Amino acid sequence: MSVTVHPTAVVSSAAELGDGVVIGPYCIVAGRASIGAGTSLGPFVSVHDRVSIGVNCRIYEYTSVGGDPQDHNYKGEESWVRVGNDNIIRENVTINRATGEGCETVIGDGCFIMDSVHLAHNVRLGNHVTIANKVGLSGYVTVDDHTVFGGMAGVHQFVRIGSYCMIGGMYRVTKDVPHYTLASGEPLRLTGLNSVGLKRAGFSADTRREILSFYRRLYGKEKIFTQSLASELEKKASYAPEIQRILEFYKGSKRGVTFWKRGGIEE
């Protein structure tokens, strides 16, 4: 398959374009950018130097991939954006390169990133993450697989968000959100399991019940959380893999973890 470049587009001679790439009107593909087979750029898309984009991605108009980090610590060092395969990146999205020599901002495979989302320096998205309109992820945020963000949510720098989570729209996320949970409210609180998402993903009813039971033990009303967590970590090896993942997530938290809403843990 041939590469299609609109006459008004500007493409660097050092750029690498795979088979079937389509470069739309008034696009700029700069420096050593690499774009995989079957990927298409809509009008006015900018792909900066030191950007790698995988195969079969669709990037819509006025998106900018690989601009300099919006970070006082950035001093011009060589850093990258790595975008995986089969991603949909809608209009007006900005994805900044990383701060730090050789560091990367990373987007996994199969993500759906909607209008006007900002992904700051050193952000790392897993696979099949869905981010609704006008969400902002600050520097060094990490998001695991299959998590969903409602529109206009904002995530503080260095926050970690687990897999199969759902973050409510228009809320601030200032602490880590553990795997498999729903989070909403001001201040943000965990409001239950993402049961619908887990069921759709093939988690069995027994597994869902086991996860819910674990969280109820961890946050028992008569327990001090730090003591409860320490006790559960001691028993980690005896638990199912899903529970072990939750415990590892808590163990790795540096910003602290979002707590459950007052009134207990719902299904």
C-alpha atoms as a PDB file:
ATOM      1  CA  MET A   1       0.000   0.000   0.000  1.00  0.00           C
ATOM      2  CA  SER A   2       1.214   3.496  -0.778  1.00  0.00           C
ATOM      3  CA  VAL A   3       1.518   6.443   1.576  1.00  0.00           C
ATOM      4  CA  THR A   4      -0.893   9.334   0.982  1.00  0.00           C
ATOM      5  CA  VAL A   5       0.374  12.815   1.865  1.00  0.00           C
ATOM      6  CA  HIS A   6      -1.812  15.833   1.172  1.00  0.00           C
ATOM      7  CA  PRO A   7      -0.022  18.536  -0.888  1.00  0.00           C
ATOM      8  CA  THR A   8      -0.369  21.070   1.947  1.00  0.00           C
ATOM      9  CA  ALA A   9       1.257  18.792   4.549  1.00  0.00           C
ATOM     10  CA  VAL A  10       4.900  19.171   5.587  1.00  0.00           C
ATOM     11  CA  VAL A  11       6.724  15.891   6.274  1.00  0.00           C
ATOM     12  CA  SER A  12      10.329  15.675   7.418  1.00  0.00           C
ATOM     13  CA  SER A  13      12.691  13.708   5.201  1.00  0.00           C
ATOM     14  CA  ALA A  14      13.854  11.911   8.356  1.00  0.00           C
ATOM     15  CA  ALA A  15      10.341  10.733   9.278  1.00  0.00           C
ATOM     16  CA  GLU A  16       9.340   7.088   8.814  1.00  0.00           C
ATOM     17  CA  LEU A  17       5.893   6.367   7.374  1.00  0.00           C
ATOM     18  CA  GLY A  18       4.499   2.835   7.194  1.00  0.00           C
ATOM     19  CA  ASP A  19       2.375   1.348   4.430  1.00  0.00           C
ATOM     20  CA  GLY A  20      -1.036   2.918   4.021  1.00  0.00           C
ATOM     21  CA  VAL A  21      -0.342   5.952   6.209  1.00  0.00           C
ATOM     22  CA  VAL A  22      -2.565   8.923   5.379  1.00  0.00           C
ATOM     23  CA  ILE A  23      -1.343  12.446   6.170  1.00  0.00           C
ATOM     24  CA  GLY A  24      -4.173  14.971   5.922  1.00  0.00           C
ATOM     25  CA  PRO A  25      -4.240  18.653   4.924  1.00  0.00           C
ATOM     26  CA  TYR A  26      -1.877  21.063   6.685  1.00  0.00           C
ATOM     27  CA  CYS A  27      -0.315  18.389   8.911  1.00  0.00           C
ATOM     28  CA  ILE A  28       3.258  18.680  10.159  1.00  0.00           C
ATOM     29  CA  VAL A  29       5.333  15.543  10.711  1.00  0.00           C
ATOM     30  CA  ALA A  30       8.669  16.672  12.102  1.00  0.00           C
ATOM     31  CA  GLY A  31      12.161  15.299  12.712  1.00  0.00           C
ATOM     32  CA  ARG A  32      12.501  11.595  13.395  1.00  0.00           C
ATOM     33  CA  ALA A  33       8.799  10.901  13.887  1.00  0.00           C
ATOM     34  CA  SER A  34       7.690   7.358  13.092  1.00  0.00           C
ATOM     35  CA  ILE A  35       4.114   6.507  12.060  1.00  0.00           C
ATOM     36  CA  GLY A  36       3.012   2.883  11.713  1.00  0.00           C
ATOM     37  CA  ALA A  37       1.126   1.231   8.885  1.00  0.00           C
ATOM     38  CA  GLY A  38      -2.516   2.137   8.407  1.00  0.00           C
ATOM     39  CA  THR A  39      -2.462   5.159  10.702  1.00  0.00           C
ATOM     40  CA  SER A  40      -4.260   8.301   9.530  1.00  0.00           C
ATOM     41  CA  LEU A  41      -3.815  11.944  10.536  1.00  0.00           C
ATOM     42  CA  GLY A  42      -6.712  14.346  10.091  1.00  0.00           C
ATOM     43  CA  PRO A  43      -6.257  18.008   9.107  1.00  0.00           C
ATOM     44  CA  PHE A  44      -3.840  20.217  11.052  1.00  0.00           C
ATOM     45  CA  VAL A  45      -2.326  17.415  13.159  1.00  0.00           C
ATOM     46  CA  SER A  46       1.209  18.054  14.447  1.00  0.00           C
ATOM     47  CA  VAL A  47       3.497  15.096  15.114  1.00  0.00           C
ATOM     48  CA  HIS A  48       6.709  16.443  16.589  1.00  0.00           C
ATOM     49  CA  ASP A  49      10.235  15.075  16.596  1.00  0.00           C
ATOM     50  CA  ARG A  50      10.894  12.014  18.782  1.00  0.00           C
ATOM     51  CA  VAL A  51       7.402  10.575  18.479  1.00  0.00           C
ATOM     52  CA  SER A  52       6.604   6.961  17.644  1.00  0.00           C
ATOM     53  CA  ILE A  53       3.026   6.067  16.686  1.00  0.00           C
ATOM     54  CA  GLY A  54       1.926   2.482  16.119  1.00  0.00           C
ATOM     55  CA  VAL A  55      -0.272   0.886  13.485  1.00  0.00           C
ATOM     56  CA  ASN A  56      -3.930   1.539  12.669  1.00  0.00           C
ATOM     57  CA  CYS A  57      -4.327   4.649  14.802  1.00  0.00           C
ATOM     58  CA  ARG A  58      -6.774   7.418  13.899  1.00  0.00           C
ATOM     59  CA  ILE A  59      -5.719  10.903  14.967  1.00  0.00           C
ATOM     60  CA  TYR A  60      -8.197  13.707  14.415  1.00  0.00           C
ATOM     61  CA  GLU A  61      -7.766  17.383  13.549  1.00  0.00           C
ATOM     62  CA  TYR A  62      -5.764  19.901  15.573  1.00  0.00           C
ATOM     63  CA  THR A  63      -4.137  17.264  17.775  1.00  0.00           C
ATOM     64  CA  SER A  64      -0.525  17.780  18.859  1.00  0.00           C
ATOM     65  CA  VAL A  65       1.619  14.759  19.710  1.00  0.00           C
ATOM     66  CA  GLY A  66       5.092  15.215  21.178  1.00  0.00           C
ATOM     67  CA  GLY A  67       5.280  18.896  22.049  1.00  0.00           C
ATOM     68  CA  ASP A  68       7.769  20.040  24.693  1.00  0.00           C
ATOM     69  CA  PRO A  69       6.822  19.238  28.305  1.00  0.00           C
ATOM     70  CA  GLN A  70       5.051  22.003  30.209  1.00  0.00           C
ATOM     71  CA  ASP A  71       7.499  21.581  33.050  1.00  0.00           C
ATOM     72  CA  HIS A  72      10.033  23.952  34.613  1.00  0.00           C
ATOM     73  CA  ASN A  73      12.416  20.997  35.022  1.00  0.00           C
ATOM     74  CA  TYR A  74      12.631  20.355  31.289  1.00  0.00           C
ATOM     75  CA  LYS A  75      15.980  21.585  29.937  1.00  0.00           C
ATOM     76  CA  GLY A  76      15.824  20.413  26.332  1.00  0.00           C
ATOM     77  CA  GLU A  77      16.937  16.832  26.930  1.00  0.00           C
ATOM     78  CA  GLU A  78      16.030  14.093  24.445  1.00  0.00           C
ATOM     79  CA  SER A  79      12.769  12.434  25.409  1.00  0.00           C
ATOM     80  CA  TRP A  80       9.941  10.684  23.590  1.00  0.00           C
ATOM     81  CA  VAL A  81       6.256   9.983  23.131  1.00  0.00           C
ATOM     82  CA  ARG A  82       5.419   6.331  22.376  1.00  0.00           C
ATOM     83  CA  VAL A  83       1.888   5.664  21.129  1.00  0.00           C
ATOM     84  CA  GLY A  84       0.812   2.044  20.669  1.00  0.00           C
ATOM     85  CA  ASN A  85      -1.512   0.416  18.141  1.00  0.00           C
ATOM     86  CA  ASP A  86      -5.210   0.796  17.332  1.00  0.00           C
ATOM     87  CA  ASN A  87      -5.731   4.035  19.229  1.00  0.00           C
ATOM     88  CA  ILE A  88      -8.392   6.648  18.520  1.00  0.00           C
ATOM     89  CA  ILE A  89      -7.246  10.156  19.424  1.00  0.00           C
ATOM     90  CA  ARG A  90      -9.913  12.761  18.817  1.00  0.00           C
ATOM     91  CA  GLU A  91      -9.805  16.502  18.110  1.00  0.00           C
ATOM     92  CA  ASN A  92      -7.602  19.003  19.974  1.00  0.00           C
ATOM     93  CA  VAL A  93      -5.762  16.446  22.109  1.00  0.00           C
ATOM     94  CA  THR A  94      -2.298  17.386  23.408  1.00  0.00           C
ATOM     95  CA  ILE A  95       0.258  14.721  24.347  1.00  0.00           C
ATOM     96  CA  ASN A  96       3.582  16.080  25.633  1.00  0.00           C
ATOM     97  CA  ARG A  97       6.990  14.446  25.564  1.00  0.00           C
ATOM     98  CA  ALA A  98       8.582  13.384  28.842  1.00  0.00           C
ATOM     99  CA  THR A  99      10.905  15.282  31.136  1.00  0.00           C
ATOM    100  CA  GLY A 100      14.237  13.526  31.725  1.00  0.00           C
ATOM    101  CA  GLU A 101      16.918  12.267  29.369  1.00  0.00           C
ATOM    102  CA  GLY A 102      15.654   9.175  27.548  1.00  0.00           C
ATOM    103  CA  CYS A 103      12.305   9.201  29.371  1.00  0.00           C
ATOM    104  CA  GLU A 104       8.961   8.575  27.676  1.00  0.00           C
ATOM    105  CA  THR A 105       5.309   9.490  27.716  1.00  0.00           C
ATOM    106  CA  VAL A 106       3.531   6.238  26.821  1.00  0.00           C
ATOM    107  CA  ILE A 107       0.088   5.425  25.426  1.00  0.00           C
ATOM    108  CA  GLY A 108      -0.770   1.726  25.234  1.00  0.00           C
ATOM    109  CA  ASP A 109      -2.910  -0.094  22.662  1.00  0.00           C
ATOM    110  CA  GLY A 110      -6.601   0.303  21.942  1.00  0.00           C
ATOM    111  CA  CYS A 111      -7.138   3.535  23.864  1.00  0.00           C
ATOM    112  CA  PHE A 112      -9.963   5.965  23.105  1.00  0.00           C
ATOM    113  CA  ILE A 113      -8.912   9.531  23.910  1.00  0.00           C
ATOM    114  CA  MET A 114     -11.683  12.049  23.300  1.00  0.00           C
ATOM    115  CA  ASP A 115     -11.809  15.758  22.451  1.00  0.00           C
ATOM    116  CA  SER A 116      -9.458  18.240  24.173  1.00  0.00           C
ATOM    117  CA  VAL A 117      -7.803  15.752  26.533  1.00  0.00           C
ATOM    118  CA  HIS A 118      -4.363  16.767  27.843  1.00  0.00           C
ATOM    119  CA  LEU A 119      -1.766  14.082  28.632  1.00  0.00           C
ATOM    120  CA  ALA A 120       1.205  15.742  30.302  1.00  0.00           C
ATOM    121  CA  HIS A 121       4.871  14.755  30.422  1.00  0.00           C
ATOM    122  CA  ASN A 122       5.756  11.265  31.659  1.00  0.00           C
ATOM    123  CA  VAL A 123       2.143  10.067  31.679  1.00  0.00           C
ATOM    124  CA  ARG A 124       1.784   6.330  31.134  1.00  0.00           C
ATOM    125  CA  LEU A 125      -1.505   4.819  29.950  1.00  0.00           C
ATOM    126  CA  GLY A 126      -2.099   1.090  29.800  1.00  0.00           C
ATOM    127  CA  ASN A 127      -4.220  -0.645  27.183  1.00  0.00           C
ATOM    128  CA  HIS A 128      -7.884   0.032  26.376  1.00  0.00           C
ATOM    129  CA  VAL A 129      -8.126   3.167  28.504  1.00  0.00           C
ATOM    130  CA  THR A 130     -11.080   5.445  27.685  1.00  0.00           C
ATOM    131  CA  ILE A 131     -10.767   9.156  28.479  1.00  0.00           C
ATOM    132  CA  ALA A 132     -13.774  11.404  27.873  1.00  0.00           C
ATOM    133  CA  ASN A 133     -13.728  15.036  26.757  1.00  0.00           C
ATOM    134  CA  LYS A 134     -11.494  17.627  28.393  1.00  0.00           C
ATOM    135  CA  VAL A 135      -9.870  15.382  30.992  1.00  0.00           C
ATOM    136  CA  GLY A 136      -6.436  16.531  32.171  1.00  0.00           C
ATOM    137  CA  LEU A 137      -3.730  14.125  33.365  1.00  0.00           C
ATOM    138  CA  SER A 138      -0.814  15.893  35.027  1.00  0.00           C
ATOM    139  CA  GLY A 139       2.827  14.866  34.876  1.00  0.00           C
ATOM    140  CA  TYR A 140       3.877  11.358  35.912  1.00  0.00           C
ATOM    141  CA  VAL A 141       0.304  10.049  36.208  1.00  0.00           C
ATOM    142  CA  THR A 142      -0.032   6.315  35.527  1.00  0.00           C
ATOM    143  CA  VAL A 143      -3.255   4.571  34.504  1.00  0.00           C
ATOM    144  CA  ASP A 144      -3.635   0.795  34.224  1.00  0.00           C
ATOM    145  CA  ASP A 145      -5.626  -1.170  31.644  1.00  0.00           C
ATOM    146  CA  HIS A 146      -9.359  -0.802  30.932  1.00  0.00           C
ATOM    147  CA  THR A 147      -9.954   2.260  33.106  1.00  0.00           C
ATOM    148  CA  VAL A 148     -12.566   4.878  32.118  1.00  0.00           C
ATOM    149  CA  PHE A 149     -12.619   8.631  32.869  1.00  0.00           C
ATOM    150  CA  GLY A 150     -15.724  10.797  32.811  1.00  0.00           C
ATOM    151  CA  GLY A 151     -15.487  14.175  31.119  1.00  0.00           C
ATOM    152  CA  MET A 152     -13.573  17.102  32.620  1.00  0.00           C
ATOM    153  CA  ALA A 153     -11.935  15.088  35.412  1.00  0.00           C
ATOM    154  CA  GLY A 154      -8.532  16.335  36.560  1.00  0.00           C
ATOM    155  CA  VAL A 155      -5.723  14.148  37.899  1.00  0.00           C
ATOM    156  CA  HIS A 156      -2.933  15.463  40.138  1.00  0.00           C
ATOM    157  CA  GLN A 157       0.688  14.770  39.257  1.00  0.00           C
ATOM    158  CA  PHE A 158       2.199  11.447  40.376  1.00  0.00           C
ATOM    159  CA  VAL A 159      -1.230   9.869  40.996  1.00  0.00           C
ATOM    160  CA  ARG A 160      -1.660   6.175  40.123  1.00  0.00           C
ATOM    161  CA  ILE A 161      -4.978   4.762  38.947  1.00  0.00           C
ATOM    162  CA  GLY A 162      -5.514   1.015  38.826  1.00  0.00           C
ATOM    163  CA  SER A 163      -7.110  -1.225  36.216  1.00  0.00           C
ATOM    164  CA  TYR A 164     -10.840  -1.521  35.520  1.00  0.00           C
ATOM    165  CA  CYS A 165     -11.584   1.685  37.441  1.00  0.00           C
ATOM    166  CA  MET A 166     -14.173   4.293  36.560  1.00  0.00           C
ATOM    167  CA  ILE A 167     -13.527   7.935  37.497  1.00  0.00           C
ATOM    168  CA  GLY A 168     -16.578  10.205  37.630  1.00  0.00           C
ATOM    169  CA  GLY A 169     -16.736  13.291  35.454  1.00  0.00           C
ATOM    170  CA  MET A 170     -15.694  16.731  36.704  1.00  0.00           C
ATOM    171  CA  TYR A 171     -13.934  15.428  39.838  1.00  0.00           C
ATOM    172  CA  ARG A 172     -10.402  16.013  41.121  1.00  0.00           C
ATOM    173  CA  VAL A 173      -8.218  12.963  41.643  1.00  0.00           C
ATOM    174  CA  THR A 174      -5.492  13.813  44.156  1.00  0.00           C
ATOM    175  CA  LYS A 175      -4.678  10.363  45.554  1.00  0.00           C
ATOM    176  CA  ASP A 176      -4.240   6.885  44.097  1.00  0.00           C
ATOM    177  CA  VAL A 177      -7.352   4.943  43.052  1.00  0.00           C
ATOM    178  CA  PRO A 178      -7.031   1.150  43.562  1.00  0.00           C
ATOM    179  CA  HIS A 179      -7.993  -1.540  41.061  1.00  0.00           C
ATOM    180  CA  TYR A 180     -11.592  -2.403  40.153  1.00  0.00           C
ATOM    181  CA  THR A 181     -13.283   0.563  41.861  1.00  0.00           C
ATOM    182  CA  LEU A 182     -15.647   3.457  41.137  1.00  0.00           C
ATOM    183  CA  ALA A 183     -14.571   6.924  42.306  1.00  0.00           C
ATOM    184  CA  SER A 184     -16.558  10.154  42.455  1.00  0.00           C
ATOM    185  CA  GLY A 185     -17.504  13.030  44.756  1.00  0.00           C
ATOM    186  CA  GLU A 186     -15.779  16.062  46.242  1.00  0.00           C
ATOM    187  CA  PRO A 187     -13.479  15.212  47.886  1.00  0.00           C
ATOM    188  CA  LEU A 188     -13.078  12.092  45.766  1.00  0.00           C
ATOM    189  CA  ARG A 189     -14.167   8.862  47.431  1.00  0.00           C
ATOM    190  CA  LEU A 190     -14.467   5.238  46.335  1.00  0.00           C
ATOM    191  CA  THR A 191     -18.164   4.452  45.963  1.00  0.00           C
ATOM    192  CA  GLY A 192     -18.156   0.758  45.092  1.00  0.00           C
ATOM    193  CA  LEU A 193     -16.789  -1.840  42.727  1.00  0.00           C
ATOM    194  CA  ASN A 194     -16.876  -1.255  38.984  1.00  0.00           C
ATOM    195  CA  SER A 195     -19.132  -4.309  38.853  1.00  0.00           C
ATOM    196  CA  VAL A 196     -20.538  -3.636  35.388  1.00  0.00           C
ATOM    197  CA  GLY A 197     -17.053  -3.174  33.921  1.00  0.00           C
ATOM    198  CA  LEU A 198     -15.764  -6.314  35.630  1.00  0.00           C
ATOM    199  CA  LYS A 199     -18.722  -8.373  34.439  1.00  0.00           C
ATOM    200  CA  ARG A 200     -18.299  -7.160  30.860  1.00  0.00           C
ATOM    201  CA  ALA A 201     -14.602  -8.028  31.053  1.00  0.00           C
ATOM    202  CA  GLY A 202     -15.382 -11.616  32.018  1.00  0.00           C
ATOM    203  CA  PHE A 203     -14.677 -11.534  35.757  1.00  0.00           C
ATOM    204  CA  SER A 204     -16.753 -14.319  37.298  1.00  0.00           C
ATOM    205  CA  ALA A 205     -19.384 -13.665  39.955  1.00  0.00           C
ATOM    206  CA  ASP A 206     -17.191 -15.513  42.471  1.00  0.00           C
ATOM    207  CA  THR A 207     -14.205 -13.307  41.679  1.00  0.00           C
ATOM    208  CA  ARG A 208     -16.286 -10.144  41.976  1.00  0.00           C
ATOM    209  CA  ARG A 209     -17.625 -11.289  45.342  1.00  0.00           C
ATOM    210  CA  GLU A 210     -14.120 -12.109  46.521  1.00  0.00           C
ATOM    211  CA  ILE A 211     -12.849  -8.628  45.572  1.00  0.00           C
ATOM    212  CA  LEU A 212     -15.793  -6.969  47.330  1.00  0.00           C
ATOM    213  CA  SER A 213     -15.319  -9.105  50.428  1.00  0.00           C
ATOM    214  CA  PHE A 214     -11.634  -8.200  50.538  1.00  0.00           C
ATOM    215  CA  TYR A 215     -12.320  -4.472  50.395  1.00  0.00           C
ATOM    216  CA  ARG A 216     -14.903  -4.809  53.165  1.00  0.00           C
ATOM    217  CA  ARG A 217     -12.373  -6.556  55.387  1.00  0.00           C
ATOM    218  CA  LEU A 218      -9.695  -3.999  54.588  1.00  0.00           C
ATOM    219  CA  TYR A 219     -11.961  -1.076  55.465  1.00  0.00           C
ATOM    220  CA  GLY A 220     -13.849  -2.660  58.362  1.00  0.00           C
ATOM    221  CA  LYS A 221     -15.494  -0.056  60.579  1.00  0.00           C
ATOM    222  CA  GLU A 222     -13.755  -1.273  63.732  1.00  0.00           C
ATOM    223  CA  LYS A 223     -10.282  -1.320  62.148  1.00  0.00           C
ATOM    224  CA  ILE A 224      -7.460   1.174  61.801  1.00  0.00           C
ATOM    225  CA  PHE A 225      -6.634   1.145  58.091  1.00  0.00           C
ATOM    226  CA  THR A 226      -2.828   0.932  58.386  1.00  0.00           C
ATOM    227  CA  GLN A 227      -3.093  -2.009  60.755  1.00  0.00           C
ATOM    228  CA  SER A 228      -5.678  -3.709  58.569  1.00  0.00           C
ATOM    229  CA  LEU A 229      -3.472  -3.297  55.481  1.00  0.00           C
ATOM    230  CA  ALA A 230      -0.428  -4.683  57.302  1.00  0.00           C
ATOM    231  CA  SER A 231      -2.440  -7.719  58.354  1.00  0.00           C
ATOM    232  CA  GLU A 232      -3.699  -8.344  54.834  1.00  0.00           C
ATOM    233  CA  LEU A 233      -0.199  -7.978  53.357  1.00  0.00           C
ATOM    234  CA  GLU A 234       0.993 -10.766  55.641  1.00  0.00           C
ATOM    235  CA  LYS A 235      -1.622 -13.065  54.069  1.00  0.00           C
ATOM    236  CA  LYS A 236      -0.998 -11.922  50.504  1.00  0.00           C
ATOM    237  CA  ALA A 237       0.378 -15.222  49.180  1.00  0.00           C
ATOM    238  CA  SER A 238      -2.833 -17.044  50.101  1.00  0.00           C
ATOM    239  CA  TYR A 239      -5.073 -14.796  48.018  1.00  0.00           C
ATOM    240  CA  ALA A 240      -6.272 -14.957  44.424  1.00  0.00           C
ATOM    241  CA  PRO A 241      -4.224 -12.998  41.852  1.00  0.00           C
ATOM    242  CA  GLU A 242      -6.779 -10.160  41.744  1.00  0.00           C
ATOM    243  CA  ILE A 243      -6.434  -9.581  45.502  1.00  0.00           C
ATOM    244  CA  GLN A 244      -2.650  -9.799  45.301  1.00  0.00           C
ATOM    245  CA  ARG A 245      -2.720  -7.042  42.643  1.00  0.00           C
ATOM    246  CA  ILE A 246      -4.739  -4.803  44.958  1.00  0.00           C
ATOM    247  CA  LEU A 247      -2.304  -5.364  47.818  1.00  0.00           C
ATOM    248  CA  GLU A 248       0.700  -4.638  45.593  1.00  0.00           C
ATOM    249  CA  PHE A 249      -1.010  -1.420  44.493  1.00  0.00           C
ATOM    250  CA  TYR A 250      -1.467  -0.258  48.088  1.00  0.00           C
ATOM    251  CA  LYS A 251       2.086  -1.255  48.969  1.00  0.00           C
ATOM    252  CA  GLY A 252       3.445   0.916  46.135  1.00  0.00           C
ATOM    253  CA  SER A 253       1.438   4.033  46.963  1.00  0.00           C
ATOM    254  CA  LYS A 254       3.411   7.209  47.646  1.00  0.00           C
ATOM    255  CA  ARG A 255       0.640   9.826  47.525  1.00  0.00           C
ATOM    256  CA  GLY A 256      -1.800   7.842  49.647  1.00  0.00           C
ATOM    257  CA  VAL A 257      -4.926   6.071  48.470  1.00  0.00           C
ATOM    258  CA  THR A 258      -8.466   7.375  47.980  1.00  0.00           C
ATOM    259  CA  PHE A 259     -10.715   6.126  50.783  1.00  0.00           C
ATOM    260  CA  TRP A 260     -14.217   4.708  50.646  1.00  0.00           C
ATOM    261  CA  LYS A 261     -17.148   7.042  51.163  1.00  0.00           C
ATOM    262  CA  ARG A 262     -18.704   7.278  54.588  1.00  0.00           C
ATOM    263  CA  GLY A 263     -21.420   4.683  55.046  1.00  0.00           C
ATOM    264  CA  GLY A 264     -19.583   1.628  53.823  1.00  0.00           C
ATOM    265  CA  ILE A 265     -18.754  -0.296  50.702  1.00  0.00           C
ATOM    266  CA  GLU A 266     -21.454  -0.941  48.141  1.00  0.00           C
ATOM    267  CA  GLU A 267     -21.707  -3.640  45.479  1.00  0.00           C
END
